[in-house]
Amino acid sequence: MAEQRLTQARDGQESLQPARVRVGEQIDALLGECSPSDCRIPDVVGQLLSSGWRDVMLLTLLREGEQSEAWQQAVETARNLIWSVQPKTEVAERQRLLKAIPELLKDIRQGLNNISFDQHRAAVMLKELQACHISALRGVPVVDAGVPAPTPKPVEARVEQPEPAGSGQDMQDPQDEFRRKAMEMPLGAWLDWTDDQGVRVRGKLSWRSELTGNCVFVDRRGIKLAEMSLVDFAGRLRCANAREIEDLETPLMDRALGAMMDALKRTAPENRAR
């Protein structure tokens, strides 16, 4: 059970990182839709996008996926939020905003409730948002909206990789047999290796990242014992610092009885006669 909780947690972290990157890219894209010369983002809208609604989009993406209607609705709500606080100078735009405000506020409240956002903070932010809408209907920018919408910056997933356990071109060669063995070793395999303090360690390969190749090893109780990068793992195999242990999942008593039976068979009279 401990091992299962560990692997489930790591799987969740594995999907969380790219989801955060995707949400950040989408918000930057929405901000980029505004014309830099006349688009202003009030403080309250910036707070909503950077905290509350970012989490709404993240949860929606993780639960429903990018192709879902819920994700498209969350993106559209963020787009409408940005549009709603821009000054409306045309009569048609003001009428459109008047019709859109009730549904927009309803969607924002519902989304924030779904992530258990602080209710008091949400009430304050929505009150400030209503003041922004009044200014937009009057065709004037909000007082605190003196800063243009920020220029979107590319968001990159940064994954820190541990230093290799050795050096040389062969460690980077995808055809290297030790690297291939580290990549193909099945989950559940037991290994024996020497750690950085010179202590001999025995652990089971419990989880491997599909993004980075990082491997997590657990002890017999399912508790995390160590984590290695794929390069480090292959390096240990290459220098014989780590070796796979066969048949460790078989209970000790069963292995002892098996060894005893093998010994009896070898010492049987018919075998000695040979």
C-alpha atoms as a PDB file:
ATOM      1  CA  MET A   1       0.000   0.000   0.000  1.00  0.00           C
ATOM      2  CA  ALA A   2       2.860   2.370   0.799  1.00  0.00           C
ATOM      3  CA  GLU A   3       4.451   1.634  -2.557  1.00  0.00           C
ATOM      4  CA  GLN A   4       1.129   2.111  -4.352  1.00  0.00           C
ATOM      5  CA  ARG A   5       0.616   5.520  -2.730  1.00  0.00           C
ATOM      6  CA  LEU A   6       4.158   6.489  -3.719  1.00  0.00           C
ATOM      7  CA  THR A   7       3.725   5.534  -7.370  1.00  0.00           C
ATOM      8  CA  GLN A   8       0.316   7.219  -7.560  1.00  0.00           C
ATOM      9  CA  ALA A   9       1.816  10.413  -6.136  1.00  0.00           C
ATOM     10  CA  ARG A  10       4.687  10.348  -8.635  1.00  0.00           C
ATOM     11  CA  ASP A  11       2.279   9.703 -11.523  1.00  0.00           C
ATOM     12  CA  GLY A  12       0.284  12.729 -10.372  1.00  0.00           C
ATOM     13  CA  GLN A  13       3.414  14.883 -10.250  1.00  0.00           C
ATOM     14  CA  GLU A  14       4.375  13.601 -13.700  1.00  0.00           C
ATOM     15  CA  SER A  15       1.131  14.869 -15.229  1.00  0.00           C
ATOM     16  CA  LEU A  16       1.024  18.048 -13.134  1.00  0.00           C
ATOM     17  CA  GLN A  17       4.189  19.633 -14.540  1.00  0.00           C
ATOM     18  CA  PRO A  18       3.179  19.660 -18.244  1.00  0.00           C
ATOM     19  CA  ALA A  19      -0.356  20.683 -17.255  1.00  0.00           C
ATOM     20  CA  ARG A  20       0.982  23.746 -15.421  1.00  0.00           C
ATOM     21  CA  VAL A  21       3.065  24.650 -18.453  1.00  0.00           C
ATOM     22  CA  ARG A  22       0.052  24.274 -20.746  1.00  0.00           C
ATOM     23  CA  VAL A  23      -2.146  26.486 -18.551  1.00  0.00           C
ATOM     24  CA  GLY A  24       0.563  29.156 -18.433  1.00  0.00           C
ATOM     25  CA  GLU A  25       0.893  29.058 -22.214  1.00  0.00           C
ATOM     26  CA  GLN A  26      -2.867  29.404 -22.647  1.00  0.00           C
ATOM     27  CA  ILE A  27      -3.127  32.405 -20.305  1.00  0.00           C
ATOM     28  CA  ASP A  28      -0.201  34.075 -22.084  1.00  0.00           C
ATOM     29  CA  ALA A  29      -1.933  33.434 -25.413  1.00  0.00           C
ATOM     30  CA  LEU A  30      -5.152  35.040 -24.146  1.00  0.00           C
ATOM     31  CA  LEU A  31      -3.247  38.091 -22.936  1.00  0.00           C
ATOM     32  CA  GLY A  32      -1.494  38.206 -26.289  1.00  0.00           C
ATOM     33  CA  GLU A  33      -4.842  38.526 -28.054  1.00  0.00           C
ATOM     34  CA  CYS A  34      -5.137  42.067 -26.642  1.00  0.00           C
ATOM     35  CA  SER A  35      -3.628  44.886 -28.624  1.00  0.00           C
ATOM     36  CA  PRO A  36      -0.567  46.047 -26.606  1.00  0.00           C
ATOM     37  CA  SER A  37      -1.360  49.677 -27.385  1.00  0.00           C
ATOM     38  CA  ASP A  38      -4.796  49.826 -25.754  1.00  0.00           C
ATOM     39  CA  CYS A  39      -5.246  46.667 -23.661  1.00  0.00           C
ATOM     40  CA  ARG A  40      -5.122  47.247 -19.902  1.00  0.00           C
ATOM     41  CA  ILE A  41      -5.351  44.540 -17.256  1.00  0.00           C
ATOM     42  CA  PRO A  42      -6.733  45.770 -13.900  1.00  0.00           C
ATOM     43  CA  ASP A  43      -5.060  44.448 -10.767  1.00  0.00           C
ATOM     44  CA  VAL A  44      -8.058  42.338  -9.809  1.00  0.00           C
ATOM     45  CA  VAL A  45      -8.096  40.617 -13.206  1.00  0.00           C
ATOM     46  CA  GLY A  46      -4.380  39.942 -12.950  1.00  0.00           C
ATOM     47  CA  GLN A  47      -4.944  38.374  -9.527  1.00  0.00           C
ATOM     48  CA  LEU A  48      -7.813  36.246 -10.804  1.00  0.00           C
ATOM     49  CA  LEU A  49      -5.797  34.959 -13.724  1.00  0.00           C
ATOM     50  CA  SER A  50      -2.590  34.333 -11.776  1.00  0.00           C
ATOM     51  CA  SER A  51      -4.147  32.583  -8.801  1.00  0.00           C
ATOM     52  CA  GLY A  52      -7.788  31.534  -8.774  1.00  0.00           C
ATOM     53  CA  TRP A  53      -8.597  30.976 -12.426  1.00  0.00           C
ATOM     54  CA  ARG A  54      -5.200  29.463 -13.205  1.00  0.00           C
ATOM     55  CA  ASP A  55      -6.009  26.730 -10.671  1.00  0.00           C
ATOM     56  CA  VAL A  56      -9.491  26.311 -12.156  1.00  0.00           C
ATOM     57  CA  MET A  57      -7.949  25.734 -15.586  1.00  0.00           C
ATOM     58  CA  LEU A  58      -5.317  23.391 -14.147  1.00  0.00           C
ATOM     59  CA  LEU A  59      -7.878  21.231 -12.374  1.00  0.00           C
ATOM     60  CA  THR A  60     -10.075  21.147 -15.472  1.00  0.00           C
ATOM     61  CA  LEU A  61      -7.175  20.143 -17.699  1.00  0.00           C
ATOM     62  CA  LEU A  62      -6.090  17.341 -15.366  1.00  0.00           C
ATOM     63  CA  ARG A  63      -9.602  15.976 -14.907  1.00  0.00           C
ATOM     64  CA  GLU A  64     -11.175  16.464 -18.323  1.00  0.00           C
ATOM     65  CA  GLY A  65      -8.328  16.879 -20.801  1.00  0.00           C
ATOM     66  CA  GLU A  66      -7.578  19.536 -23.397  1.00  0.00           C
ATOM     67  CA  GLN A  67     -10.172  18.286 -25.870  1.00  0.00           C
ATOM     68  CA  SER A  68     -13.024  18.494 -23.369  1.00  0.00           C
ATOM     69  CA  GLU A  69     -15.862  20.988 -23.419  1.00  0.00           C
ATOM     70  CA  ALA A  70     -15.071  21.926 -19.795  1.00  0.00           C
ATOM     71  CA  TRP A  71     -11.538  23.013 -20.780  1.00  0.00           C
ATOM     72  CA  GLN A  72     -12.817  25.057 -23.706  1.00  0.00           C
ATOM     73  CA  GLN A  73     -15.340  26.710 -21.388  1.00  0.00           C
ATOM     74  CA  ALA A  74     -12.639  27.566 -18.836  1.00  0.00           C
ATOM     75  CA  VAL A  75     -10.497  29.142 -21.571  1.00  0.00           C
ATOM     76  CA  GLU A  76     -13.470  31.073 -22.952  1.00  0.00           C
ATOM     77  CA  THR A  77     -14.321  32.402 -19.490  1.00  0.00           C
ATOM     78  CA  ALA A  78     -10.769  33.724 -19.105  1.00  0.00           C
ATOM     79  CA  ARG A  79     -10.994  35.319 -22.551  1.00  0.00           C
ATOM     80  CA  ASN A  80     -14.333  36.952 -21.693  1.00  0.00           C
ATOM     81  CA  LEU A  81     -12.914  38.183 -18.388  1.00  0.00           C
ATOM     82  CA  ILE A  82     -10.091  40.028 -20.153  1.00  0.00           C
ATOM     83  CA  TRP A  83     -12.460  41.437 -22.768  1.00  0.00           C
ATOM     84  CA  SER A  84     -15.024  42.552 -20.186  1.00  0.00           C
ATOM     85  CA  VAL A  85     -12.722  45.072 -18.473  1.00  0.00           C
ATOM     86  CA  GLN A  86     -11.623  46.858 -21.629  1.00  0.00           C
ATOM     87  CA  PRO A  87     -13.332  50.273 -22.186  1.00  0.00           C
ATOM     88  CA  LYS A  88     -16.406  50.009 -24.413  1.00  0.00           C
ATOM     89  CA  THR A  89     -16.907  53.060 -26.591  1.00  0.00           C
ATOM     90  CA  GLU A  90     -19.543  51.695 -28.971  1.00  0.00           C
ATOM     91  CA  VAL A  91     -23.202  51.287 -27.994  1.00  0.00           C
ATOM     92  CA  ALA A  92     -23.291  47.728 -29.358  1.00  0.00           C
ATOM     93  CA  GLU A  93     -20.272  46.768 -27.254  1.00  0.00           C
ATOM     94  CA  ARG A  94     -21.888  48.182 -24.101  1.00  0.00           C
ATOM     95  CA  GLN A  95     -25.068  46.235 -24.747  1.00  0.00           C
ATOM     96  CA  ARG A  96     -23.083  43.076 -25.345  1.00  0.00           C
ATOM     97  CA  LEU A  97     -21.183  43.578 -22.083  1.00  0.00           C
ATOM     98  CA  LEU A  98     -24.387  44.199 -20.118  1.00  0.00           C
ATOM     99  CA  LYS A  99     -25.766  40.892 -21.341  1.00  0.00           C
ATOM    100  CA  ALA A 100     -22.501  39.022 -20.725  1.00  0.00           C
ATOM    101  CA  ILE A 101     -21.735  40.213 -17.168  1.00  0.00           C
ATOM    102  CA  PRO A 102     -24.266  38.027 -15.247  1.00  0.00           C
ATOM    103  CA  GLU A 103     -23.179  34.812 -16.975  1.00  0.00           C
ATOM    104  CA  LEU A 104     -19.498  35.723 -16.627  1.00  0.00           C
ATOM    105  CA  LEU A 105     -19.787  36.340 -12.875  1.00  0.00           C
ATOM    106  CA  LYS A 106     -21.749  33.112 -12.487  1.00  0.00           C
ATOM    107  CA  ASP A 107     -19.056  31.098 -14.300  1.00  0.00           C
ATOM    108  CA  ILE A 108     -16.282  32.682 -12.235  1.00  0.00           C
ATOM    109  CA  ARG A 109     -18.075  31.993  -8.936  1.00  0.00           C
ATOM    110  CA  GLN A 110     -18.749  28.406  -9.899  1.00  0.00           C
ATOM    111  CA  GLY A 111     -15.162  27.815 -10.995  1.00  0.00           C
ATOM    112  CA  LEU A 112     -13.712  29.288  -7.808  1.00  0.00           C
ATOM    113  CA  ASN A 113     -16.113  27.223  -5.707  1.00  0.00           C
ATOM    114  CA  ASN A 114     -14.960  24.075  -7.495  1.00  0.00           C
ATOM    115  CA  ILE A 115     -11.389  24.626  -6.294  1.00  0.00           C
ATOM    116  CA  SER A 116     -12.510  25.669  -2.777  1.00  0.00           C
ATOM    117  CA  PHE A 117     -11.143  29.174  -3.287  1.00  0.00           C
ATOM    118  CA  ASP A 118     -11.304  31.413  -0.203  1.00  0.00           C
ATOM    119  CA  GLN A 119     -14.870  32.768  -0.195  1.00  0.00           C
ATOM    120  CA  HIS A 120     -14.039  36.076   1.477  1.00  0.00           C
ATOM    121  CA  ARG A 121     -11.240  36.774  -0.974  1.00  0.00           C
ATOM    122  CA  ALA A 122     -13.469  35.775  -3.876  1.00  0.00           C
ATOM    123  CA  ALA A 123     -16.209  38.175  -2.709  1.00  0.00           C
ATOM    124  CA  VAL A 124     -13.723  41.065  -2.498  1.00  0.00           C
ATOM    125  CA  MET A 125     -12.299  40.313  -5.940  1.00  0.00           C
ATOM    126  CA  LEU A 126     -15.730  40.057  -7.552  1.00  0.00           C
ATOM    127  CA  LYS A 127     -16.751  43.373  -5.996  1.00  0.00           C
ATOM    128  CA  GLU A 128     -13.644  45.002  -7.466  1.00  0.00           C
ATOM    129  CA  LEU A 129     -14.421  43.326 -10.783  1.00  0.00           C
ATOM    130  CA  GLN A 130     -17.887  44.896 -10.812  1.00  0.00           C
ATOM    131  CA  ALA A 131     -16.256  48.326 -10.407  1.00  0.00           C
ATOM    132  CA  CYS A 132     -14.075  47.512 -13.421  1.00  0.00           C
ATOM    133  CA  HIS A 133     -17.173  46.633 -15.418  1.00  0.00           C
ATOM    134  CA  ILE A 134     -18.794  49.955 -14.533  1.00  0.00           C
ATOM    135  CA  SER A 135     -15.726  51.790 -15.796  1.00  0.00           C
ATOM    136  CA  ALA A 136     -15.712  49.699 -18.966  1.00  0.00           C
ATOM    137  CA  LEU A 137     -19.386  50.545 -19.611  1.00  0.00           C
ATOM    138  CA  ARG A 138     -18.567  54.228 -19.227  1.00  0.00           C
ATOM    139  CA  GLY A 139     -15.821  53.827 -21.822  1.00  0.00           C
ATOM    140  CA  VAL A 140     -12.981  54.788 -19.497  1.00  0.00           C
ATOM    141  CA  PRO A 141     -10.057  52.649 -18.318  1.00  0.00           C
ATOM    142  CA  VAL A 142      -9.912  51.469 -14.720  1.00  0.00           C
ATOM    143  CA  VAL A 143      -7.864  53.721 -12.432  1.00  0.00           C
ATOM    144  CA  ASP A 144      -5.341  51.019 -11.492  1.00  0.00           C
ATOM    145  CA  ALA A 145      -5.073  49.725 -15.065  1.00  0.00           C
ATOM    146  CA  GLY A 146      -2.151  51.896 -16.069  1.00  0.00           C
ATOM    147  CA  VAL A 147       0.025  48.947 -17.022  1.00  0.00           C
ATOM    148  CA  PRO A 148      -0.449  47.323 -20.423  1.00  0.00           C
ATOM    149  CA  ALA A 149      -1.072  43.614 -20.646  1.00  0.00           C
ATOM    150  CA  PRO A 150       2.277  41.871 -20.226  1.00  0.00           C
ATOM    151  CA  THR A 151       3.956  40.549 -23.327  1.00  0.00           C
ATOM    152  CA  PRO A 152       3.563  36.776 -23.283  1.00  0.00           C
ATOM    153  CA  LYS A 153       6.768  34.934 -22.482  1.00  0.00           C
ATOM    154  CA  PRO A 154       7.377  31.381 -23.658  1.00  0.00           C
ATOM    155  CA  VAL A 155       6.990  28.903 -20.846  1.00  0.00           C
ATOM    156  CA  GLU A 156       9.374  25.993 -20.821  1.00  0.00           C
ATOM    157  CA  ALA A 157       9.264  22.879 -18.693  1.00  0.00           C
ATOM    158  CA  ARG A 158      12.479  22.825 -16.724  1.00  0.00           C
ATOM    159  CA  VAL A 159      13.456  19.423 -15.419  1.00  0.00           C
ATOM    160  CA  GLU A 160      16.627  19.217 -13.373  1.00  0.00           C
ATOM    161  CA  GLN A 161      18.680  16.182 -14.265  1.00  0.00           C
ATOM    162  CA  PRO A 162      21.226  14.790 -11.792  1.00  0.00           C
ATOM    163  CA  GLU A 163      24.844  14.688 -12.939  1.00  0.00           C
ATOM    164  CA  PRO A 164      25.844  11.481 -14.734  1.00  0.00           C
ATOM    165  CA  ALA A 165      27.566   8.794 -12.707  1.00  0.00           C
ATOM    166  CA  GLY A 166      30.404   8.779 -15.239  1.00  0.00           C
ATOM    167  CA  SER A 167      31.548  10.450 -18.405  1.00  0.00           C
ATOM    168  CA  GLY A 168      32.021   9.625 -22.044  1.00  0.00           C
ATOM    169  CA  GLN A 169      30.071   9.609 -25.251  1.00  0.00           C
ATOM    170  CA  ASP A 170      28.855   6.059 -24.675  1.00  0.00           C
ATOM    171  CA  MET A 171      26.634   7.269 -21.816  1.00  0.00           C
ATOM    172  CA  GLN A 172      24.712   9.509 -24.192  1.00  0.00           C
ATOM    173  CA  ASP A 173      24.480   6.861 -26.904  1.00  0.00           C
ATOM    174  CA  PRO A 174      20.876   5.572 -27.021  1.00  0.00           C
ATOM    175  CA  GLN A 175      22.262   2.281 -28.399  1.00  0.00           C
ATOM    176  CA  ASP A 176      24.521   1.707 -25.382  1.00  0.00           C
ATOM    177  CA  GLU A 177      23.598  -1.683 -23.879  1.00  0.00           C
ATOM    178  CA  PHE A 178      23.643  -0.456 -20.275  1.00  0.00           C
ATOM    179  CA  ARG A 179      21.457   2.533 -21.034  1.00  0.00           C
ATOM    180  CA  ARG A 180      19.095   0.257 -22.926  1.00  0.00           C
ATOM    181  CA  LYS A 181      19.060  -2.201 -20.028  1.00  0.00           C
ATOM    182  CA  ALA A 182      18.212   0.609 -17.592  1.00  0.00           C
ATOM    183  CA  MET A 183      15.371   1.754 -19.858  1.00  0.00           C
ATOM    184  CA  GLU A 184      13.947  -1.734 -20.370  1.00  0.00           C
ATOM    185  CA  MET A 185      14.341  -3.139 -16.866  1.00  0.00           C
ATOM    186  CA  PRO A 186      10.828  -4.125 -15.748  1.00  0.00           C
ATOM    187  CA  LEU A 187       9.137  -2.503 -12.790  1.00  0.00           C
ATOM    188  CA  GLY A 188       9.349  -4.799  -9.799  1.00  0.00           C
ATOM    189  CA  ALA A 189      12.951  -5.832 -10.487  1.00  0.00           C
ATOM    190  CA  TRP A 190      15.233  -5.881  -7.433  1.00  0.00           C
ATOM    191  CA  LEU A 191      18.722  -4.400  -7.518  1.00  0.00           C
ATOM    192  CA  ASP A 192      21.719  -4.333  -5.274  1.00  0.00           C
ATOM    193  CA  TRP A 193      24.075  -1.318  -5.399  1.00  0.00           C
ATOM    194  CA  THR A 194      26.517   0.765  -3.364  1.00  0.00           C
ATOM    195  CA  ASP A 195      25.344   4.276  -2.460  1.00  0.00           C
ATOM    196  CA  ASP A 196      27.468   7.425  -2.279  1.00  0.00           C
ATOM    197  CA  GLN A 197      28.403   6.652   1.348  1.00  0.00           C
ATOM    198  CA  GLY A 198      29.729   3.228   0.392  1.00  0.00           C
ATOM    199  CA  VAL A 199      26.772   1.378   1.956  1.00  0.00           C
ATOM    200  CA  ARG A 200      25.371  -1.625   0.120  1.00  0.00           C
ATOM    201  CA  VAL A 201      21.684  -1.005  -0.660  1.00  0.00           C
ATOM    202  CA  ARG A 202      18.968  -3.327  -1.935  1.00  0.00           C
ATOM    203  CA  GLY A 203      15.826  -1.892  -3.519  1.00  0.00           C
ATOM    204  CA  LYS A 204      13.016  -2.584  -5.961  1.00  0.00           C
ATOM    205  CA  LEU A 205      12.444  -0.543  -9.112  1.00  0.00           C
ATOM    206  CA  SER A 206       8.975   0.807  -8.367  1.00  0.00           C
ATOM    207  CA  TRP A 207       8.447   3.713 -10.784  1.00  0.00           C
ATOM    208  CA  ARG A 208      10.012   5.186 -13.925  1.00  0.00           C
ATOM    209  CA  SER A 209       9.209   8.620 -15.327  1.00  0.00           C
ATOM    210  CA  GLU A 210       7.917   8.644 -18.878  1.00  0.00           C
ATOM    211  CA  LEU A 211       9.181  12.218 -19.293  1.00  0.00           C
ATOM    212  CA  THR A 212      12.675  12.119 -17.791  1.00  0.00           C
ATOM    213  CA  GLY A 213      13.424   8.439 -17.248  1.00  0.00           C
ATOM    214  CA  ASN A 214      14.078   9.029 -13.545  1.00  0.00           C
ATOM    215  CA  CYS A 215      13.729   5.827 -11.523  1.00  0.00           C
ATOM    216  CA  VAL A 216      12.427   5.438  -7.968  1.00  0.00           C
ATOM    217  CA  PHE A 217      13.451   2.483  -5.800  1.00  0.00           C
ATOM    218  CA  VAL A 218      11.670   1.295  -2.654  1.00  0.00           C
ATOM    219  CA  ASP A 219      12.574  -1.078   0.169  1.00  0.00           C
ATOM    220  CA  ARG A 220      10.622  -4.137   1.301  1.00  0.00           C
ATOM    221  CA  ARG A 221       8.143  -1.920   3.157  1.00  0.00           C
ATOM    222  CA  GLY A 222       7.363   0.089   0.018  1.00  0.00           C
ATOM    223  CA  ILE A 223       9.142   3.184   1.386  1.00  0.00           C
ATOM    224  CA  LYS A 224      11.158   5.291  -1.053  1.00  0.00           C
ATOM    225  CA  LEU A 225      14.793   4.281  -0.838  1.00  0.00           C
ATOM    226  CA  ALA A 226      16.465   6.182  -3.673  1.00  0.00           C
ATOM    227  CA  GLU A 227      15.870   8.046  -6.919  1.00  0.00           C
ATOM    228  CA  MET A 228      18.254   7.930  -9.880  1.00  0.00           C
ATOM    229  CA  SER A 229      18.341   9.531 -13.283  1.00  0.00           C
ATOM    230  CA  LEU A 230      18.431   7.167 -16.235  1.00  0.00           C
ATOM    231  CA  VAL A 231      22.030   8.192 -16.931  1.00  0.00           C
ATOM    232  CA  ASP A 232      23.051   7.521 -13.321  1.00  0.00           C
ATOM    233  CA  PHE A 233      21.275   4.163 -13.359  1.00  0.00           C
ATOM    234  CA  ALA A 234      23.016   3.130 -16.598  1.00  0.00           C
ATOM    235  CA  GLY A 235      26.359   4.318 -15.223  1.00  0.00           C
ATOM    236  CA  ARG A 236      26.001   2.126 -12.150  1.00  0.00           C
ATOM    237  CA  LEU A 237      25.201  -0.873 -14.327  1.00  0.00           C
ATOM    238  CA  ARG A 238      28.169  -0.090 -16.566  1.00  0.00           C
ATOM    239  CA  CYS A 239      30.710   0.052 -13.761  1.00  0.00           C
ATOM    240  CA  ALA A 240      29.171  -2.977 -12.015  1.00  0.00           C
ATOM    241  CA  ASN A 241      28.133  -0.809  -9.088  1.00  0.00           C
ATOM    242  CA  ALA A 242      24.585  -2.169  -9.431  1.00  0.00           C
ATOM    243  CA  ARG A 243      23.372  -5.662 -10.262  1.00  0.00           C
ATOM    244  CA  GLU A 244      19.952  -7.187 -10.674  1.00  0.00           C
ATOM    245  CA  ILE A 245      18.918  -9.736  -8.071  1.00  0.00           C
ATOM    246  CA  GLU A 246      16.956 -12.724  -9.257  1.00  0.00           C
ATOM    247  CA  ASP A 247      13.916 -14.218  -7.504  1.00  0.00           C
ATOM    248  CA  LEU A 248      13.916 -11.830  -4.537  1.00  0.00           C
ATOM    249  CA  GLU A 249      10.125 -11.692  -4.442  1.00  0.00           C
ATOM    250  CA  THR A 250       9.979 -15.377  -3.447  1.00  0.00           C
ATOM    251  CA  PRO A 251       9.622 -15.615   0.358  1.00  0.00           C
ATOM    252  CA  LEU A 252      12.800 -16.468   2.253  1.00  0.00           C
ATOM    253  CA  MET A 253      11.397 -19.750   3.597  1.00  0.00           C
ATOM    254  CA  ASP A 254      10.404 -20.892   0.108  1.00  0.00           C
ATOM    255  CA  ARG A 255      13.852 -20.096  -1.230  1.00  0.00           C
ATOM    256  CA  ALA A 256      15.491 -21.942   1.663  1.00  0.00           C
ATOM    257  CA  LEU A 257      13.331 -25.002   1.089  1.00  0.00           C
ATOM    258  CA  GLY A 258      14.062 -24.857  -2.626  1.00  0.00           C
ATOM    259  CA  ALA A 259      17.799 -24.728  -1.973  1.00  0.00           C
ATOM    260  CA  MET A 260      17.482 -27.667   0.441  1.00  0.00           C
ATOM    261  CA  MET A 261      15.614 -29.744  -2.126  1.00  0.00           C
ATOM    262  CA  ASP A 262      18.247 -28.981  -4.753  1.00  0.00           C
ATOM    263  CA  ALA A 263      20.970 -30.078  -2.341  1.00  0.00           C
ATOM    264  CA  LEU A 264      19.125 -33.333  -1.546  1.00  0.00           C
ATOM    265  CA  LYS A 265      18.701 -34.084  -5.238  1.00  0.00           C
ATOM    266  CA  ARG A 266      22.408 -33.551  -5.872  1.00  0.00           C
ATOM    267  CA  THR A 267      23.368 -35.883  -3.008  1.00  0.00           C
ATOM    268  CA  ALA A 268      20.819 -38.597  -3.897  1.00  0.00           C
ATOM    269  CA  PRO A 269      22.433 -42.059  -4.470  1.00  0.00           C
ATOM    270  CA  GLU A 270      21.448 -42.174  -8.123  1.00  0.00           C
ATOM    271  CA  ASN A 271      23.098 -38.805  -8.688  1.00  0.00           C
ATOM    272  CA  ARG A 272      26.254 -39.791  -6.783  1.00  0.00           C
ATOM    273  CA  ALA A 273      26.527 -42.962  -8.876  1.00  0.00           C
ATOM    274  CA  ARG A 274      26.700 -40.824 -11.975  1.00  0.00           C
END
